[in-house]
Amino acid sequence: MTYILNLETSTRNCSVSIALNGETLLCKELAELGYSHAEKLHVFIEEVLKEVNLQFSDLNAVAVSQGPGSYTGLRIGVSAAKGLCYAMNIPLIAVDTLQVMASKVKINEGLVVPMIDARRMEVYSSVFTTKIEKVREVKAEILTETSFNEFTEPLFFVGDCLEKAKTVLHQPNFYFLDDVVFPSAAEMSHLTYEKFKTKSFEDVAYFEPFYLKDFMVK
């Protein structure tokens, strides 16, 4: 049996799940207007373990969503994951945040475009198939009326920036799924278990989040 603790903190959604052999047993999460990750993350970790009657020593790995996303949120999640892995001498697993979000979408045809708000008209985005295979790399891009016009397939957009996206993305093959807003640790379970089976682990000492853009102090 493989127990993996999944942490997702790249957006306003502070999310923690515990999974057994790739299936989510329990997920706790909270998306507040103000980031509460520093206060909530370790509380959620303790609560999910307690509610499924597990100890920290039962964990086989800790997984974290690596970004892109909020600089502060990513730092908090990665720091927590690295600390747990180091203390318990277990592997660290990292997964693409946008792939996690795309995993929430169940469609039979077309492509999934997960997007994370990067302020003003800029977003972090990527493009995935129905099988959650990446067909376009992650970009930090400013949305315009010509964005994604190279795709003729139905495109299903998800994320926390759909309202501003709707003001410029008007092609008839564009669809907006308003019910998928944030990535969740509940959708990390299958992805992280597959990485565990292939021993696709990160170096606990040197792993850093995927910020995509340099942090700017204002």
Protein backbone atom coordinates (compact mmCIF):
# COMPACT_ATOMS: atom_id res chain seq x y z
CA MET A 1 0.00 0.00 0.00
CA THR A 2 1.30 3.42 -0.97
CA TYR A 3 0.13 6.45 0.99
CA ILE A 4 0.97 9.85 -0.52
CA LEU A 5 0.27 13.23 1.05
CA ASN A 6 -0.58 15.80 -1.66
CA LEU A 7 -0.19 19.55 -1.16
CA GLU A 8 -1.61 22.17 -3.55
CA THR A 9 -0.95 25.83 -2.64
CA SER A 10 -0.26 27.54 -5.96
CA THR A 11 -3.46 29.64 -5.94
CA ARG A 12 -5.89 30.99 -3.32
CA ASN A 13 -6.99 27.39 -2.76
CA CYS A 14 -5.09 25.84 0.15
CA SER A 15 -5.63 22.14 -0.52
CA VAL A 16 -4.39 18.92 1.12
CA SER A 17 -5.29 15.33 0.29
CA ILE A 18 -4.21 11.86 1.35
CA ALA A 19 -4.23 9.13 -1.29
CA LEU A 20 -3.91 5.36 -1.25
CA ASN A 21 -2.53 3.76 -4.42
CA GLY A 22 -3.56 6.78 -6.50
CA GLU A 23 -7.08 7.14 -5.10
CA THR A 24 -7.98 10.14 -2.96
CA LEU A 25 -9.17 9.08 0.49
CA LEU A 26 -9.82 12.56 1.86
CA CYS A 27 -9.27 16.15 0.79
CA LYS A 28 -9.48 19.34 2.83
CA GLU A 29 -9.29 22.72 1.15
CA LEU A 30 -10.23 26.36 1.54
CA ALA A 31 -10.11 29.18 -1.01
CA GLU A 32 -10.24 32.59 0.66
CA LEU A 33 -9.83 36.05 -0.82
CA GLY A 34 -6.82 36.54 1.41
CA TYR A 35 -4.19 33.82 1.29
CA SER A 36 -4.46 31.71 4.48
CA HIS A 37 -1.94 29.03 3.52
CA ALA A 38 0.51 29.79 6.31
CA GLU A 39 -2.25 29.35 8.90
CA LYS A 40 -4.22 26.51 7.31
CA LEU A 41 -1.76 24.20 5.56
CA HIS A 42 -0.28 22.36 8.55
CA VAL A 43 -3.68 22.24 10.24
CA PHE A 44 -5.15 20.53 7.17
CA ILE A 45 -2.22 18.10 7.03
CA GLU A 46 -2.78 17.02 10.62
CA GLU A 47 -6.55 16.79 10.14
CA VAL A 48 -6.50 14.60 7.01
CA LEU A 49 -4.06 12.17 8.61
CA LYS A 50 -6.10 12.00 11.80
CA GLU A 51 -9.39 11.47 9.97
CA VAL A 52 -8.06 8.49 7.99
CA ASN A 53 -6.29 7.07 11.06
CA LEU A 54 -2.76 7.48 9.74
CA GLN A 55 0.48 8.65 11.29
CA PHE A 56 3.22 10.62 9.57
CA SER A 57 5.28 7.42 9.69
CA ASP A 58 2.70 5.71 7.44
CA LEU A 59 3.44 8.04 4.53
CA ASN A 60 5.46 6.71 1.60
CA ALA A 61 5.95 10.10 -0.07
CA VAL A 62 4.90 13.74 -0.03
CA ALA A 63 3.84 15.43 -3.26
CA VAL A 64 3.55 19.12 -4.05
CA SER A 65 2.15 21.15 -6.91
CA GLN A 66 5.24 22.83 -8.38
CA GLY A 67 3.68 25.79 -10.18
CA PRO A 68 3.26 28.10 -11.91
CA GLY A 69 1.20 30.21 -9.56
CA SER A 70 1.46 32.48 -6.55
CA TYR A 71 5.05 33.03 -5.47
CA THR A 72 4.15 33.03 -1.78
CA GLY A 73 1.76 30.11 -2.06
CA LEU A 74 4.31 27.98 -3.88
CA ARG A 75 7.01 28.79 -1.33
CA ILE A 76 4.76 27.73 1.55
CA GLY A 77 3.73 24.45 -0.08
CA VAL A 78 7.20 23.47 -1.23
CA SER A 79 8.79 24.38 2.10
CA ALA A 80 6.27 22.23 3.96
CA ALA A 81 6.72 19.29 1.58
CA LYS A 82 10.52 19.44 1.73
CA GLY A 83 10.48 19.68 5.50
CA LEU A 84 8.28 16.60 5.87
CA CYS A 85 10.33 14.59 3.38
CA TYR A 86 13.59 15.51 5.05
CA ALA A 87 12.30 14.74 8.55
CA MET A 88 10.87 11.34 7.58
CA ASN A 89 13.44 10.45 4.90
CA ILE A 90 10.80 9.79 2.25
CA PRO A 91 10.65 10.86 -1.43
CA LEU A 92 9.47 14.23 -2.70
CA ILE A 93 7.22 14.27 -5.79
CA ALA A 94 6.35 17.36 -7.83
CA VAL A 95 3.60 17.76 -10.44
CA ASP A 96 2.64 20.49 -12.91
CA THR A 97 -0.03 22.77 -11.40
CA LEU A 98 -1.79 23.29 -14.73
CA GLN A 99 -1.87 19.54 -15.34
CA VAL A 100 -3.54 19.14 -11.95
CA MET A 101 -6.19 21.66 -12.96
CA ALA A 102 -6.69 20.02 -16.35
CA SER A 103 -7.29 16.70 -14.57
CA LYS A 104 -10.53 18.13 -13.15
CA VAL A 105 -12.05 18.36 -16.65
CA LYS A 106 -13.87 15.36 -18.11
CA ILE A 107 -14.54 15.78 -21.84
CA ASN A 108 -14.74 13.38 -24.78
CA GLU A 109 -13.17 15.59 -27.44
CA GLY A 110 -11.24 18.80 -27.84
CA LEU A 111 -8.49 20.32 -25.71
CA VAL A 112 -8.32 21.65 -22.16
CA VAL A 113 -6.76 25.05 -21.47
CA PRO A 114 -6.12 25.60 -17.75
CA MET A 115 -5.26 29.18 -16.85
CA ILE A 116 -4.09 30.87 -13.66
CA ASP A 117 -4.49 34.60 -13.19
CA ALA A 118 -1.20 36.52 -13.33
CA ARG A 119 -2.78 40.00 -12.90
CA ARG A 120 -4.10 42.45 -15.47
CA MET A 121 -4.63 40.55 -18.74
CA GLU A 122 -1.76 38.13 -18.18
CA VAL A 123 -2.25 34.43 -17.41
CA TYR A 124 -0.20 31.29 -16.94
CA SER A 125 -1.59 28.69 -19.33
CA SER A 126 -0.98 25.43 -21.10
CA VAL A 127 -2.94 23.08 -23.37
CA PHE A 128 -3.77 19.43 -22.74
CA THR A 129 -5.56 16.61 -24.54
CA THR A 130 -8.54 14.75 -23.10
CA LYS A 131 -6.01 12.25 -21.71
CA ILE A 132 -4.18 15.10 -19.93
CA GLU A 133 -1.20 14.94 -22.27
CA LYS A 134 0.50 18.30 -22.77
CA VAL A 135 0.40 19.61 -26.35
CA ARG A 136 1.68 23.12 -25.60
CA GLU A 137 4.19 24.15 -22.99
CA VAL A 138 3.40 26.47 -20.11
CA LYS A 139 3.45 30.16 -20.99
CA ALA A 140 3.04 33.48 -19.25
CA GLU A 141 1.02 35.36 -21.84
CA ILE A 142 -1.13 38.44 -22.24
CA LEU A 143 -4.59 37.54 -23.53
CA THR A 144 -5.67 39.23 -26.75
CA GLU A 145 -8.33 38.62 -29.39
CA THR A 146 -5.87 36.44 -31.33
CA SER A 147 -4.86 34.21 -28.41
CA PHE A 148 -5.31 30.47 -29.14
CA ASN A 149 -6.57 31.18 -32.67
CA GLU A 150 -4.10 28.58 -34.01
CA PHE A 151 -6.31 25.83 -32.57
CA THR A 152 -9.31 24.61 -34.58
CA GLU A 153 -10.42 21.98 -32.06
CA PRO A 154 -12.96 22.80 -29.36
CA LEU A 155 -11.07 24.50 -26.51
CA PHE A 156 -12.36 24.24 -22.96
CA PHE A 157 -10.98 27.00 -20.72
CA VAL A 158 -10.83 26.64 -16.94
CA GLY A 159 -9.29 28.68 -14.15
CA ASP A 160 -9.63 31.70 -11.92
CA CYS A 161 -9.45 34.27 -14.72
CA LEU A 162 -12.31 33.29 -17.02
CA GLU A 163 -14.23 36.54 -16.61
CA LYS A 164 -11.42 38.62 -18.07
CA ALA A 165 -10.69 35.91 -20.66
CA LYS A 166 -14.27 36.11 -21.92
CA THR A 167 -13.80 39.79 -22.79
CA VAL A 168 -11.25 38.97 -25.53
CA LEU A 169 -11.63 35.28 -26.42
CA HIS A 170 -14.62 35.09 -28.77
CA GLN A 171 -13.96 32.28 -31.24
CA PRO A 172 -16.89 29.84 -31.79
CA ASN A 173 -14.75 26.85 -30.75
CA PHE A 174 -14.01 28.41 -27.33
CA TYR A 175 -15.95 27.15 -24.31
CA PHE A 176 -15.65 28.26 -20.69
CA LEU A 177 -16.17 25.83 -17.80
CA ASP A 178 -16.95 28.15 -14.90
CA ASP A 179 -17.17 25.35 -12.31
CA VAL A 180 -13.42 24.58 -12.49
CA VAL A 181 -11.69 27.52 -10.81
CA PHE A 182 -8.67 26.28 -8.84
CA PRO A 183 -6.35 23.27 -8.89
CA SER A 184 -7.05 20.83 -6.05
CA ALA A 185 -4.99 18.24 -4.20
CA ALA A 186 -7.86 15.82 -4.83
CA GLU A 187 -6.82 15.65 -8.51
CA MET A 188 -3.14 15.15 -7.72
CA SER A 189 -3.51 11.57 -6.49
CA HIS A 190 -3.33 9.68 -9.79
CA LEU A 191 -0.54 11.88 -11.13
CA THR A 192 1.62 11.53 -8.03
CA TYR A 193 1.10 7.78 -7.74
CA GLU A 194 2.27 7.30 -11.33
CA LYS A 195 5.42 9.26 -10.52
CA PHE A 196 5.93 7.21 -7.36
CA LYS A 197 5.76 3.96 -9.33
CA THR A 198 8.42 5.17 -11.77
CA LYS A 199 10.51 6.69 -8.94
CA SER A 200 10.33 10.15 -10.52
CA PHE A 201 11.47 11.90 -7.37
CA GLU A 202 12.90 15.36 -6.73
CA ASP A 203 16.06 16.26 -4.86
CA VAL A 204 14.77 17.42 -1.48
CA ALA A 205 17.75 19.71 -0.91
CA TYR A 206 17.72 21.52 -4.24
CA PHE A 207 14.15 21.41 -5.57
CA GLU A 208 12.59 24.82 -6.25
CA PRO A 209 9.07 25.75 -7.42
CA PHE A 210 8.42 26.57 -11.07
CA TYR A 211 7.71 30.29 -10.81
CA LEU A 212 7.81 30.88 -14.60
CA LYS A 213 8.45 34.60 -13.93
CA ASP A 214 10.90 36.27 -11.58
CA PHE A 215 9.40 37.55 -8.34
CA MET A 216 8.99 41.32 -8.42
CA VAL A 217 9.10 43.34 -5.20
CA LYS A 218 6.86 46.39 -5.35
